[in-house]
Protein backbone atom coordinates (compact mmCIF):
# COMPACT_ATOMS: atom_id res chain seq x y z
CA MET A 1 53.35 23.92 -3.14
CA ALA A 2 49.43 24.89 -1.46
CA TYR A 3 47.03 22.41 -0.01
CA ALA A 4 43.79 22.04 1.10
CA THR A 5 42.33 19.32 4.10
CA THR A 6 39.25 18.73 5.62
CA THR A 7 37.89 15.76 7.56
CA ARG A 8 34.93 14.22 7.73
CA ILE A 9 32.64 11.68 10.57
CA ILE A 10 30.12 9.27 8.37
CA ASN A 11 27.78 7.28 10.26
CA ALA A 12 27.94 4.36 8.33
CA PRO A 13 30.72 1.53 7.81
CA LEU A 14 34.41 1.44 6.23
CA SER A 15 33.37 -0.93 4.21
CA LYS A 16 30.60 1.13 3.09
CA VAL A 17 32.02 4.69 2.77
CA TRP A 18 34.36 2.96 0.42
CA ASN A 19 32.99 1.51 -1.69
CA ALA A 20 31.10 4.62 -2.31
CA TRP A 21 34.45 5.74 -3.91
CA ASP A 22 35.66 2.80 -5.23
CA ASP A 23 33.39 2.89 -7.87
CA PHE A 24 35.28 5.49 -10.11
CA GLY A 25 33.61 6.66 -12.25
CA ASP A 26 30.53 7.73 -10.96
CA ILE A 27 31.39 9.86 -8.52
CA TYR A 28 29.18 12.22 -9.62
CA LYS A 29 26.36 11.30 -7.50
CA PHE A 30 27.43 11.88 -4.93
CA ASN A 31 29.78 15.13 -5.64
CA PRO A 32 27.69 18.05 -5.85
CA ASN A 33 30.07 20.20 -7.60
CA LEU A 34 30.00 17.43 -10.87
CA LYS A 35 27.37 17.67 -13.08
CA GLY A 36 28.58 14.07 -14.84
CA SER A 37 31.60 11.67 -14.72
CA HIS A 38 32.68 8.30 -16.21
CA LEU A 39 35.57 6.07 -16.94
CA LEU A 40 37.30 7.40 -19.94
CA PRO A 41 37.78 4.31 -22.65
CA GLY A 42 39.57 1.36 -22.38
CA SER A 43 40.19 1.75 -18.61
CA VAL A 44 40.15 -0.15 -15.89
CA SER A 45 37.45 0.17 -13.71
CA THR A 46 38.81 0.85 -9.91
CA GLY A 47 42.44 0.49 -8.97
CA LEU A 48 46.05 1.42 -10.03
CA GLY A 49 45.65 3.58 -13.13
CA ALA A 50 41.54 3.89 -13.21
CA GLU A 51 40.80 7.42 -15.13
CA ARG A 52 37.99 9.43 -15.26
CA GLN A 53 37.10 11.90 -16.59
CA CYS A 54 34.68 14.62 -14.04
CA ASP A 55 32.74 17.05 -16.46
CA LEU A 56 32.03 20.07 -13.59
CA THR A 57 29.23 22.36 -13.21
CA ASP A 58 31.13 25.37 -14.33
CA GLY A 59 31.24 23.65 -17.93
CA ASN A 60 34.33 22.78 -16.98
CA SER A 61 35.67 18.95 -17.22
CA LEU A 62 39.30 17.24 -15.96
CA LYS A 63 39.88 14.50 -16.12
CA GLU A 64 41.62 11.95 -13.58
CA ARG A 65 43.62 8.94 -13.18
CA LEU A 66 44.09 6.55 -9.69
CA THR A 67 47.53 6.73 -8.94
CA ARG A 68 47.61 5.18 -5.41
CA TYR A 69 45.48 2.63 -3.57
CA GLN A 70 45.34 1.14 -1.08
CA PRO A 71 41.58 -0.67 -0.84
CA GLU A 72 39.48 0.63 2.61
CA ARG A 73 42.83 2.41 2.87
CA LEU A 74 43.54 5.37 0.45
CA LEU A 75 43.06 6.75 -2.76
CA GLU A 76 45.54 8.81 -4.40
CA VAL A 77 43.80 10.72 -7.59
CA GLU A 78 45.89 12.78 -10.41
CA VAL A 79 43.91 15.65 -11.96
CA PHE A 80 45.94 14.94 -15.66
CA GLU A 81 44.18 17.11 -17.54
CA HIS A 82 42.36 20.35 -17.11
CA ASN A 83 42.18 24.00 -17.84
CA LEU A 84 43.38 24.70 -13.38
CA PRO A 85 45.25 27.96 -12.79
CA VAL A 86 47.10 24.40 -11.67
CA LYS A 87 50.10 23.26 -13.00
CA LYS A 88 49.63 20.53 -11.17
CA MET A 89 47.21 18.85 -8.86
CA VAL A 90 46.81 15.35 -6.62
CA ALA A 91 43.77 14.57 -4.05
CA LEU A 92 44.86 12.32 -1.90
CA VAL A 93 41.37 9.98 0.03
CA GLU A 94 42.21 8.59 3.41
CA PHE A 95 40.04 6.34 5.03
CA LYS A 96 39.66 5.21 8.74
CA ALA A 97 37.36 2.93 11.03
CA ILE A 98 35.86 5.29 14.03
CA SER A 99 33.53 2.98 14.93
CA ILE A 100 31.85 -0.32 13.19
CA ARG A 101 28.51 2.51 12.31
CA LYS A 102 31.06 5.68 12.16
CA THR A 103 34.58 6.11 9.36
CA GLU A 104 36.55 8.62 9.12
CA VAL A 105 37.06 9.98 5.45
CA CYS A 106 39.78 12.70 5.33
CA MET A 107 40.77 14.94 2.19
CA THR A 108 43.97 16.45 1.10
CA LEU A 109 44.36 18.60 -1.90
CA THR A 110 47.57 19.09 -2.64
CA PHE A 111 48.76 21.84 -5.85
CA THR A 112 51.49 23.33 -7.38
CA PRO A 113 49.44 27.09 -8.60
CA ARG A 114 50.79 29.02 -12.71
CA MET A 115 52.27 31.83 -12.79
CA GLY A 116 55.71 31.95 -10.94
CA VAL A 117 55.67 34.34 -8.03
CA LEU A 118 51.93 35.61 -8.30
CA GLY A 119 51.16 31.46 -7.88
CA ARG A 120 53.26 31.00 -5.23
CA ILE A 121 51.84 34.30 -2.77
CA MET A 122 48.20 33.07 -4.23
CA GLY A 123 49.11 29.79 -3.36
CA PRO A 124 47.20 30.59 0.81
CA ILE A 125 44.63 32.48 -0.96
CA MET A 126 43.24 29.86 -3.54
CA SER A 127 43.96 27.01 -0.52
CA LYS A 128 40.95 28.67 1.54
CA MET A 129 38.99 28.87 -1.94
CA MET A 130 39.70 24.81 -2.26
CA LYS A 131 38.50 24.08 1.62
CA LYS A 132 34.79 24.70 0.34
CA PRO A 133 34.19 22.53 -2.94
CA ILE A 134 36.08 19.84 -0.57
CA SER A 135 33.79 20.33 2.45
CA GLU A 136 30.80 19.82 -0.05
CA LEU A 137 32.27 16.53 -1.80
CA LEU A 138 32.67 15.10 1.01
CA LYS A 139 29.00 16.67 2.30
CA GLY A 140 27.84 14.88 -1.06
CA ASN A 141 29.58 11.59 0.14
CA ALA A 142 27.98 11.61 3.95
CA GLU A 143 24.68 11.79 2.62
CA PHE A 144 25.01 9.45 -0.22
CA VAL A 145 26.22 6.66 1.48
CA GLU A 146 23.84 7.20 5.17
CA SER A 147 20.64 7.95 2.22
CA GLY A 148 21.31 6.23 0.01
CA LYS A 149 20.26 8.63 -2.40
CA MET A 150 22.44 10.25 -5.05
CA LEU A 151 22.90 13.66 -4.87
CA ASN A 152 23.27 14.68 -9.25
CA VAL A 153 20.35 12.02 -10.21
CA ALA A 154 20.05 13.92 -13.70
CA ALA A 155 23.47 13.17 -15.16
């Protein structure tokens, strides 16, 4: 199993940062790695079991499900349908109020590469590669929450 972790301080109250993430179907508003996102038919809008589809900028898509949900504390998102070179992928997003106007967001992406032994060898390289999109996502979240401007207005 491999992982990549990134942390960012956002200049906004915890409740405002949480509300952006809790709008589960609309992560495209601040994720520069997506061209769009939406809730899956029949899904609840948020909370345990909510499901969405994310359409990536490279033309691929994936489906995700909330598997842990503690308001203003953490979200755990399992990628359950995809064509990525991994067997399993889970993102844990943790939120912590630093002050009344600052929030720390920490995202850890844990994944198991495919390809057996070769996958285990590739794990550390893939971890380094995954840090960039995670950093871009947290940066996009900070810009969205701090300015109120959506990154992906065409989605």
